[in-house]
Amino acid sequence: MRQLMQNAHIVSGLSNASVSSVTPDYVSLKNYQHLTVIISLKCATGVAACAVTLKQATAVAGTDEKALGFSYQWANADVTTETFTKTAVTSNTFSTAATVTNKVHVIEVDTDTLDVDNSFDCVRVALADAAATTATVTYILSQPRFIDQTTHATSITD
């Protein structure tokens, strides 16, 4: 059986930071065919919902940034359970539940959904309207394109 680290490259996009003051990093998918985005949120009680979208760019610096379409996300709206529910998104965005303080969301991205014809190969999460919310964003890049699966190509530089 293959282990996760033999098949994937894990990158921290944001580490336990206040959403209102930082922007998650970009990762480059030029050497990978799939990206799993894991967003862990801790919100103060009664905080407004957080809007989540994806952005794509031609470089990890955010060059030519524009929206990246996606149609669903997996949500564990209460981390006291192990249940993730696949939920459709509207207009390439979703809002987190305002009534739950600890939640996890997962978004799956195949590189063929990026605007590769115009050299878009970088992705990041965008989090908005998230006062009093702390987030951790983890990117799992998988399905390497050109390299031995035991050697991970960089994904934080172009």
N, C-alpha and C. Protein backbone atom coordinates (compact mmCIF):
# COMPACT_ATOMS: atom_id res chain seq x y z
N MET A 1 0.84 -1.18 0.00
CA MET A 1 0.00 0.00 0.00
C MET A 1 0.89 1.25 0.00
N ARG A 2 0.56 2.18 -0.82
CA ARG A 2 1.33 3.43 -0.90
C ARG A 2 0.90 4.38 0.21
N GLN A 3 1.85 5.08 0.73
CA GLN A 3 1.57 6.04 1.79
C GLN A 3 1.38 7.43 1.20
N LEU A 4 0.73 8.30 1.97
CA LEU A 4 0.44 9.66 1.52
C LEU A 4 1.69 10.37 1.03
N MET A 5 2.76 10.31 1.79
CA MET A 5 3.97 11.06 1.42
C MET A 5 4.66 10.51 0.18
N GLN A 6 4.31 9.30 -0.25
CA GLN A 6 4.84 8.75 -1.50
C GLN A 6 4.05 9.25 -2.70
N ASN A 7 2.86 9.75 -2.45
CA ASN A 7 1.97 10.13 -3.54
C ASN A 7 1.60 11.60 -3.57
N ALA A 8 2.02 12.35 -2.56
CA ALA A 8 1.55 13.74 -2.47
C ALA A 8 2.62 14.65 -1.89
N HIS A 9 2.44 15.93 -2.13
CA HIS A 9 3.32 16.98 -1.61
C HIS A 9 2.43 17.90 -0.77
N ILE A 10 2.78 18.10 0.49
CA ILE A 10 1.95 18.88 1.41
C ILE A 10 2.60 20.23 1.65
N VAL A 11 1.81 21.30 1.50
CA VAL A 11 2.32 22.67 1.65
C VAL A 11 1.37 23.45 2.56
N SER A 12 1.93 24.21 3.47
CA SER A 12 1.13 25.09 4.31
C SER A 12 0.86 26.39 3.56
N GLY A 13 -0.42 26.71 3.39
CA GLY A 13 -0.79 27.95 2.72
C GLY A 13 -1.06 29.08 3.70
N LEU A 14 -1.40 28.71 4.92
CA LEU A 14 -1.68 29.67 5.99
C LEU A 14 -1.68 28.88 7.28
N SER A 15 -1.01 29.39 8.29
CA SER A 15 -0.87 28.63 9.52
C SER A 15 -1.43 29.38 10.72
N ASN A 16 -2.60 28.95 11.15
CA ASN A 16 -3.21 29.46 12.38
C ASN A 16 -3.13 30.99 12.48
N ALA A 17 -3.67 31.64 11.49
CA ALA A 17 -3.58 33.10 11.41
C ALA A 17 -4.96 33.74 11.36
N SER A 18 -5.02 34.98 11.78
CA SER A 18 -6.26 35.74 11.71
C SER A 18 -6.59 36.03 10.25
N VAL A 19 -7.76 35.62 9.84
CA VAL A 19 -8.16 35.76 8.44
C VAL A 19 -8.25 37.22 8.01
N SER A 20 -8.59 38.10 8.92
CA SER A 20 -8.77 39.51 8.55
C SER A 20 -7.44 40.22 8.28
N SER A 21 -6.31 39.60 8.63
CA SER A 21 -5.03 40.31 8.49
C SER A 21 -4.04 39.69 7.52
N VAL A 22 -4.32 38.50 6.98
CA VAL A 22 -3.37 37.84 6.08
C VAL A 22 -4.10 37.20 4.90
N THR A 23 -3.32 36.90 3.86
CA THR A 23 -3.83 36.23 2.68
C THR A 23 -3.11 34.89 2.53
N PRO A 24 -3.83 33.80 2.32
CA PRO A 24 -3.15 32.51 2.12
C PRO A 24 -2.23 32.56 0.90
N ASP A 25 -1.15 31.78 0.96
CA ASP A 25 -0.17 31.72 -0.12
C ASP A 25 -0.73 30.99 -1.34
N TYR A 26 -0.09 31.26 -2.48
CA TYR A 26 -0.34 30.52 -3.71
C TYR A 26 0.52 29.27 -3.73
N VAL A 27 0.07 28.23 -4.44
CA VAL A 27 0.89 27.08 -4.79
C VAL A 27 0.85 26.90 -6.29
N SER A 28 1.95 26.43 -6.85
CA SER A 28 2.05 26.18 -8.28
C SER A 28 1.71 24.72 -8.57
N LEU A 29 0.84 24.52 -9.54
CA LEU A 29 0.45 23.17 -9.94
C LEU A 29 1.14 22.72 -11.22
N LYS A 30 2.20 23.42 -11.63
CA LYS A 30 2.84 23.08 -12.91
C LYS A 30 3.40 21.67 -12.92
N ASN A 31 3.71 21.09 -11.76
CA ASN A 31 4.24 19.74 -11.69
C ASN A 31 3.25 18.72 -11.15
N TYR A 32 2.00 19.14 -10.95
CA TYR A 32 0.99 18.26 -10.37
C TYR A 32 -0.32 18.38 -11.14
N GLN A 33 -1.14 17.33 -11.06
CA GLN A 33 -2.42 17.33 -11.77
C GLN A 33 -3.63 17.52 -10.86
N HIS A 34 -3.41 17.47 -9.55
CA HIS A 34 -4.54 17.57 -8.63
C HIS A 34 -4.12 18.31 -7.36
N LEU A 35 -5.07 19.06 -6.81
CA LEU A 35 -4.86 19.80 -5.57
C LEU A 35 -6.05 19.56 -4.65
N THR A 36 -5.76 19.23 -3.41
CA THR A 36 -6.78 19.16 -2.37
C THR A 36 -6.49 20.30 -1.40
N VAL A 37 -7.48 21.14 -1.17
CA VAL A 37 -7.33 22.28 -0.26
C VAL A 37 -8.10 21.95 1.02
N ILE A 38 -7.42 22.02 2.16
CA ILE A 38 -8.06 21.79 3.45
C ILE A 38 -8.05 23.10 4.22
N ILE A 39 -9.23 23.56 4.60
CA ILE A 39 -9.37 24.83 5.32
C ILE A 39 -9.95 24.53 6.70
N SER A 40 -9.18 24.80 7.73
CA SER A 40 -9.65 24.62 9.11
C SER A 40 -9.91 26.00 9.70
N LEU A 41 -11.11 26.20 10.22
CA LEU A 41 -11.49 27.51 10.75
C LEU A 41 -11.91 27.41 12.21
N LYS A 42 -11.48 28.37 12.99
CA LYS A 42 -11.93 28.51 14.38
C LYS A 42 -12.49 29.92 14.50
N CYS A 43 -13.77 29.99 14.77
CA CYS A 43 -14.47 31.28 14.82
C CYS A 43 -14.96 31.56 16.23
N ALA A 44 -14.97 32.82 16.58
CA ALA A 44 -15.56 33.22 17.85
C ALA A 44 -17.07 32.98 17.78
N THR A 45 -17.69 32.73 18.88
CA THR A 45 -19.13 32.49 18.93
C THR A 45 -19.89 33.70 18.38
N GLY A 46 -20.84 33.44 17.49
CA GLY A 46 -21.67 34.50 16.94
C GLY A 46 -21.02 35.32 15.84
N VAL A 47 -19.87 34.87 15.34
CA VAL A 47 -19.18 35.59 14.28
C VAL A 47 -19.90 35.37 12.95
N ALA A 48 -19.90 36.37 12.11
CA ALA A 48 -20.53 36.26 10.79
C ALA A 48 -19.83 35.18 9.96
N ALA A 49 -20.55 34.63 9.00
CA ALA A 49 -20.00 33.60 8.13
C ALA A 49 -18.82 34.14 7.32
N CYS A 50 -17.94 33.24 6.94
CA CYS A 50 -16.77 33.57 6.14
C CYS A 50 -17.01 33.13 4.70
N ALA A 51 -16.78 34.01 3.73
CA ALA A 51 -16.94 33.66 2.32
C ALA A 51 -15.64 33.05 1.80
N VAL A 52 -15.73 31.90 1.14
CA VAL A 52 -14.56 31.18 0.64
C VAL A 52 -14.63 31.08 -0.88
N THR A 53 -13.56 31.49 -1.55
CA THR A 53 -13.44 31.36 -2.99
C THR A 53 -12.04 30.84 -3.31
N LEU A 54 -11.82 30.52 -4.58
CA LEU A 54 -10.49 30.14 -5.06
C LEU A 54 -10.03 31.17 -6.08
N LYS A 55 -8.74 31.42 -6.10
CA LYS A 55 -8.13 32.33 -7.08
C LYS A 55 -7.08 31.55 -7.87
N GLN A 56 -6.90 31.93 -9.13
CA GLN A 56 -5.83 31.36 -9.95
C GLN A 56 -4.97 32.49 -10.47
N ALA A 57 -3.70 32.18 -10.75
CA ALA A 57 -2.76 33.19 -11.23
C ALA A 57 -1.72 32.52 -12.11
N THR A 58 -0.94 33.35 -12.81
CA THR A 58 0.11 32.83 -13.68
C THR A 58 1.44 32.69 -12.95
N ALA A 59 1.52 33.16 -11.71
CA ALA A 59 2.74 33.04 -10.90
C ALA A 59 2.34 33.03 -9.43
N VAL A 60 3.21 32.48 -8.56
CA VAL A 60 2.88 32.41 -7.14
C VAL A 60 2.84 33.78 -6.47
N ALA A 61 3.29 34.81 -7.17
CA ALA A 61 3.18 36.18 -6.66
C ALA A 61 1.78 36.74 -6.85
N GLY A 62 0.89 36.00 -7.52
CA GLY A 62 -0.48 36.45 -7.74
C GLY A 62 -0.67 37.18 -9.05
N THR A 63 0.27 37.04 -9.97
CA THR A 63 0.22 37.73 -11.26
C THR A 63 -1.06 37.37 -12.02
N ASP A 64 -1.75 38.39 -12.52
CA ASP A 64 -2.98 38.23 -13.31
C ASP A 64 -4.08 37.46 -12.57
N GLU A 65 -4.16 37.62 -11.27
CA GLU A 65 -5.12 36.89 -10.44
C GLU A 65 -6.55 37.04 -10.94
N LYS A 66 -7.27 35.92 -10.95
CA LYS A 66 -8.69 35.92 -11.28
C LYS A 66 -9.35 34.73 -10.59
N ALA A 67 -10.66 34.71 -10.61
CA ALA A 67 -11.42 33.66 -9.94
C ALA A 67 -11.19 32.30 -10.61
N LEU A 68 -11.23 31.25 -9.80
CA LEU A 68 -11.17 29.88 -10.29
C LEU A 68 -12.49 29.21 -9.96
N GLY A 69 -13.14 28.71 -10.97
CA GLY A 69 -14.44 28.08 -10.77
C GLY A 69 -14.34 26.73 -10.08
N PHE A 70 -15.28 26.45 -9.20
CA PHE A 70 -15.44 25.12 -8.62
C PHE A 70 -16.92 24.96 -8.28
N SER A 71 -17.38 23.71 -8.26
CA SER A 71 -18.82 23.49 -8.14
C SER A 71 -19.25 22.85 -6.82
N TYR A 72 -18.31 22.32 -6.05
CA TYR A 72 -18.69 21.71 -4.78
C TYR A 72 -17.55 21.80 -3.77
N GLN A 73 -17.90 21.56 -2.53
CA GLN A 73 -16.92 21.46 -1.44
C GLN A 73 -17.41 20.40 -0.47
N TRP A 74 -16.48 19.87 0.30
CA TRP A 74 -16.81 18.93 1.36
C TRP A 74 -16.74 19.70 2.67
N ALA A 75 -17.74 19.55 3.52
CA ALA A 75 -17.77 20.32 4.77
C ALA A 75 -17.99 19.42 5.97
N ASN A 76 -17.20 19.66 6.99
CA ASN A 76 -17.44 19.10 8.31
C ASN A 76 -17.75 20.31 9.17
N ALA A 77 -19.02 20.60 9.29
CA ALA A 77 -19.44 21.85 9.92
C ALA A 77 -19.32 21.83 11.44
N ASP A 78 -18.96 20.68 11.99
CA ASP A 78 -18.79 20.59 13.44
C ASP A 78 -17.75 19.51 13.71
N VAL A 79 -16.53 19.90 14.03
CA VAL A 79 -15.43 18.94 14.14
C VAL A 79 -15.57 17.96 15.31
N THR A 80 -16.65 18.04 16.06
CA THR A 80 -16.88 17.02 17.08
C THR A 80 -17.37 15.73 16.44
N THR A 81 -17.68 15.76 15.14
CA THR A 81 -18.07 14.57 14.39
C THR A 81 -17.01 14.30 13.32
N GLU A 82 -17.10 13.15 12.66
CA GLU A 82 -16.18 12.80 11.59
C GLU A 82 -16.84 12.92 10.22
N THR A 83 -18.02 13.46 10.16
CA THR A 83 -18.81 13.44 8.94
C THR A 83 -18.52 14.64 8.04
N PHE A 84 -18.15 14.35 6.79
CA PHE A 84 -18.01 15.38 5.77
C PHE A 84 -19.17 15.22 4.80
N THR A 85 -19.77 16.33 4.41
CA THR A 85 -20.90 16.33 3.49
C THR A 85 -20.52 17.09 2.23
N LYS A 86 -20.74 16.46 1.07
CA LYS A 86 -20.48 17.12 -0.20
C LYS A 86 -21.62 18.10 -0.46
N THR A 87 -21.24 19.37 -0.70
CA THR A 87 -22.22 20.43 -0.84
C THR A 87 -21.93 21.25 -2.09
N ALA A 88 -22.95 21.49 -2.90
CA ALA A 88 -22.78 22.34 -4.08
C ALA A 88 -22.51 23.77 -3.65
N VAL A 89 -21.72 24.48 -4.45
CA VAL A 89 -21.46 25.89 -4.19
C VAL A 89 -22.16 26.73 -5.24
N THR A 90 -22.37 27.99 -4.93
CA THR A 90 -23.05 28.90 -5.84
C THR A 90 -22.08 29.98 -6.28
N SER A 91 -22.00 30.22 -7.58
CA SER A 91 -21.14 31.27 -8.13
C SER A 91 -19.70 31.14 -7.65
N ASN A 92 -19.20 29.89 -7.59
CA ASN A 92 -17.80 29.62 -7.22
C ASN A 92 -17.43 30.11 -5.84
N THR A 93 -18.39 30.11 -4.92
CA THR A 93 -18.11 30.54 -3.55
C THR A 93 -19.05 29.82 -2.59
N PHE A 94 -18.65 29.76 -1.34
CA PHE A 94 -19.55 29.28 -0.29
C PHE A 94 -19.25 30.05 0.98
N SER A 95 -20.22 30.07 1.86
CA SER A 95 -20.05 30.72 3.16
C SER A 95 -20.06 29.67 4.24
N THR A 96 -19.19 29.85 5.21
CA THR A 96 -19.13 28.91 6.33
C THR A 96 -20.29 29.18 7.28
N ALA A 97 -20.62 28.19 8.07
CA ALA A 97 -21.71 28.34 9.04
C ALA A 97 -21.31 29.30 10.14
N ALA A 98 -22.16 30.26 10.41
CA ALA A 98 -21.86 31.27 11.45
C ALA A 98 -22.12 30.74 12.85
N THR A 99 -22.83 29.64 12.96
CA THR A 99 -23.23 29.14 14.27
C THR A 99 -22.28 28.10 14.86
N VAL A 100 -21.27 27.68 14.09
CA VAL A 100 -20.35 26.64 14.55
C VAL A 100 -18.96 27.25 14.71
N THR A 101 -18.30 26.98 15.81
CA THR A 101 -17.00 27.62 16.07
C THR A 101 -15.82 26.90 15.45
N ASN A 102 -15.87 25.59 15.26
CA ASN A 102 -14.77 24.83 14.67
C ASN A 102 -15.27 24.04 13.47
N LYS A 103 -14.68 24.29 12.32
CA LYS A 103 -15.16 23.62 11.11
C LYS A 103 -14.00 23.35 10.15
N VAL A 104 -14.20 22.38 9.26
CA VAL A 104 -13.20 22.03 8.26
C VAL A 104 -13.91 21.94 6.91
N HIS A 105 -13.29 22.52 5.88
CA HIS A 105 -13.81 22.46 4.52
C HIS A 105 -12.72 21.93 3.61
N VAL A 106 -13.12 21.13 2.61
CA VAL A 106 -12.18 20.55 1.66
C VAL A 106 -12.67 20.86 0.25
N ILE A 107 -11.75 21.34 -0.59
CA ILE A 107 -12.06 21.62 -1.99
C ILE A 107 -11.08 20.83 -2.85
N GLU A 108 -11.61 20.11 -3.85
CA GLU A 108 -10.78 19.34 -4.77
C GLU A 108 -10.66 20.12 -6.08
N VAL A 109 -9.43 20.22 -6.61
CA VAL A 109 -9.18 20.98 -7.83
C VAL A 109 -8.36 20.13 -8.79
N ASP A 110 -8.87 19.89 -9.99
CA ASP A 110 -8.08 19.27 -11.05
C ASP A 110 -7.48 20.39 -11.90
N THR A 111 -6.25 20.20 -12.35
CA THR A 111 -5.58 21.28 -13.08
C THR A 111 -6.28 21.64 -14.39
N ASP A 112 -7.06 20.73 -14.94
CA ASP A 112 -7.75 21.07 -16.19
C ASP A 112 -8.87 22.09 -15.98
N THR A 113 -9.17 22.45 -14.73
CA THR A 113 -10.16 23.51 -14.47
C THR A 113 -9.52 24.90 -14.46
N LEU A 114 -8.19 24.95 -14.45
CA LEU A 114 -7.49 26.24 -14.52
C LEU A 114 -7.44 26.71 -15.96
N ASP A 115 -7.21 27.99 -16.16
CA ASP A 115 -7.07 28.58 -17.49
C ASP A 115 -5.65 28.31 -18.00
N VAL A 116 -5.36 27.03 -18.27
CA VAL A 116 -4.00 26.64 -18.68
C VAL A 116 -3.64 27.18 -20.06
N ASP A 117 -4.62 27.45 -20.90
CA ASP A 117 -4.34 28.03 -22.23
C ASP A 117 -3.68 29.39 -22.11
N ASN A 118 -3.92 30.08 -21.00
CA ASN A 118 -3.32 31.39 -20.76
C ASN A 118 -2.28 31.35 -19.64
N SER A 119 -1.70 30.17 -19.41
CA SER A 119 -0.58 29.96 -18.47
C SER A 119 -0.95 30.10 -17.00
N PHE A 120 -2.20 29.90 -16.63
CA PHE A 120 -2.59 29.92 -15.22
C PHE A 120 -2.30 28.54 -14.63
N ASP A 121 -1.40 28.50 -13.65
CA ASP A 121 -1.06 27.23 -13.01
C ASP A 121 -0.89 27.35 -11.50
N CYS A 122 -1.29 28.48 -10.93
CA CYS A 122 -1.15 28.71 -9.49
C CYS A 122 -2.52 28.93 -8.86
N VAL A 123 -2.69 28.45 -7.63
CA VAL A 123 -3.99 28.51 -6.95
C VAL A 123 -3.79 28.93 -5.50
N ARG A 124 -4.77 29.68 -4.99
CA ARG A 124 -4.82 29.99 -3.56
C ARG A 124 -6.27 30.08 -3.12
N VAL A 125 -6.48 29.99 -1.83
CA VAL A 125 -7.79 30.19 -1.22
C VAL A 125 -7.94 31.67 -0.90
N ALA A 126 -9.13 32.20 -1.06
CA ALA A 126 -9.44 33.56 -0.63
C ALA A 126 -10.53 33.47 0.44
N LEU A 127 -10.30 34.13 1.57
CA LEU A 127 -11.24 34.13 2.68
C LEU A 127 -11.66 35.56 2.95
N ALA A 128 -12.96 35.82 2.98
CA ALA A 128 -13.44 37.19 3.15
C ALA A 128 -14.49 37.26 4.26
N ASP A 129 -14.67 38.46 4.78
CA ASP A 129 -15.69 38.73 5.80
C ASP A 129 -15.53 37.83 7.02
N ALA A 130 -14.30 37.69 7.50
CA ALA A 130 -14.06 36.72 8.56
C ALA A 130 -13.46 37.35 9.81
N ALA A 131 -14.11 38.32 10.37
CA ALA A 131 -13.63 38.94 11.61
C ALA A 131 -13.64 37.90 12.72
N ALA A 132 -12.66 37.95 13.59
CA ALA A 132 -12.54 37.05 14.74
C ALA A 132 -12.49 35.58 14.33
N THR A 133 -11.86 35.31 13.19
CA THR A 133 -11.72 33.94 12.70
C THR A 133 -10.24 33.63 12.48
N THR A 134 -9.81 32.49 12.98
CA THR A 134 -8.45 32.01 12.77
C THR A 134 -8.52 30.85 11.79
N ALA A 135 -7.59 30.82 10.82
CA ALA A 135 -7.63 29.79 9.79
C ALA A 135 -6.27 29.13 9.60
N THR A 136 -6.33 27.88 9.19
CA THR A 136 -5.18 27.15 8.70
C THR A 136 -5.57 26.59 7.34
N VAL A 137 -4.72 26.83 6.34
CA VAL A 137 -4.97 26.31 4.99
C VAL A 137 -3.82 25.36 4.65
N THR A 138 -4.17 24.14 4.28
CA THR A 138 -3.18 23.15 3.88
C THR A 138 -3.48 22.72 2.45
N TYR A 139 -2.44 22.72 1.62
CA TYR A 139 -2.57 22.28 0.23
C TYR A 139 -1.92 20.91 0.10
N ILE A 140 -2.62 19.96 -0.50
CA ILE A 140 -2.06 18.65 -0.80
C ILE A 140 -2.04 18.50 -2.31
N LEU A 141 -0.84 18.53 -2.89
CA LEU A 141 -0.67 18.40 -4.33
C LEU A 141 -0.39 16.94 -4.64
N SER A 142 -1.09 16.40 -5.62
CA SER A 142 -0.94 14.98 -5.94
C SER A 142 -0.95 14.76 -7.44
N GLN A 143 -0.76 13.52 -7.82
CA GLN A 143 -0.66 13.12 -9.22
C GLN A 143 0.45 13.90 -9.93
N PRO A 144 1.72 13.66 -9.55
CA PRO A 144 2.84 14.36 -10.18
C PRO A 144 2.84 14.15 -11.69
N ARG A 145 3.23 15.18 -12.42
CA ARG A 145 3.24 15.12 -13.88
C ARG A 145 4.50 14.47 -14.45
N PHE A 146 5.66 14.93 -14.00
CA PHE A 146 6.89 14.58 -14.70
C PHE A 146 7.96 13.93 -13.84
N ILE A 147 7.71 13.75 -12.56
CA ILE A 147 8.79 13.36 -11.65
C ILE A 147 8.52 12.04 -10.98
N ASP A 148 9.58 11.44 -10.46
CA ASP A 148 9.47 10.24 -9.65
C ASP A 148 8.63 10.59 -8.42
N GLN A 149 7.71 9.75 -8.06
CA GLN A 149 6.79 10.06 -6.96
C GLN A 149 7.48 10.15 -5.60
N THR A 150 8.71 9.70 -5.49
CA THR A 150 9.41 9.83 -4.21
C THR A 150 10.16 11.15 -4.10
N THR A 151 10.23 11.91 -5.19
CA THR A 151 10.89 13.22 -5.19
C THR A 151 9.84 14.28 -5.48
N HIS A 152 9.64 15.20 -4.58
CA HIS A 152 8.60 16.20 -4.75
C HIS A 152 9.17 17.48 -5.36
N ALA A 153 8.56 17.90 -6.46
CA ALA A 153 8.96 19.17 -7.07
C ALA A 153 8.41 20.31 -6.23
N THR A 154 9.10 21.43 -6.26
CA THR A 154 8.63 22.59 -5.50
C THR A 154 7.28 23.06 -6.01
N SER A 155 6.51 23.62 -5.12
CA SER A 155 5.21 24.17 -5.51
C SER A 155 5.03 25.58 -4.95
N ILE A 156 6.06 26.11 -4.29
CA ILE A 156 5.95 27.46 -3.72
C ILE A 156 6.74 28.48 -4.53
N THR A 157 7.41 28.03 -5.59
CA THR A 157 8.08 28.93 -6.53
C THR A 157 7.62 28.59 -7.93
N ASP A 158 7.85 29.50 -8.87
CA ASP A 158 7.41 29.26 -10.25
C ASP A 158 8.40 28.39 -11.00
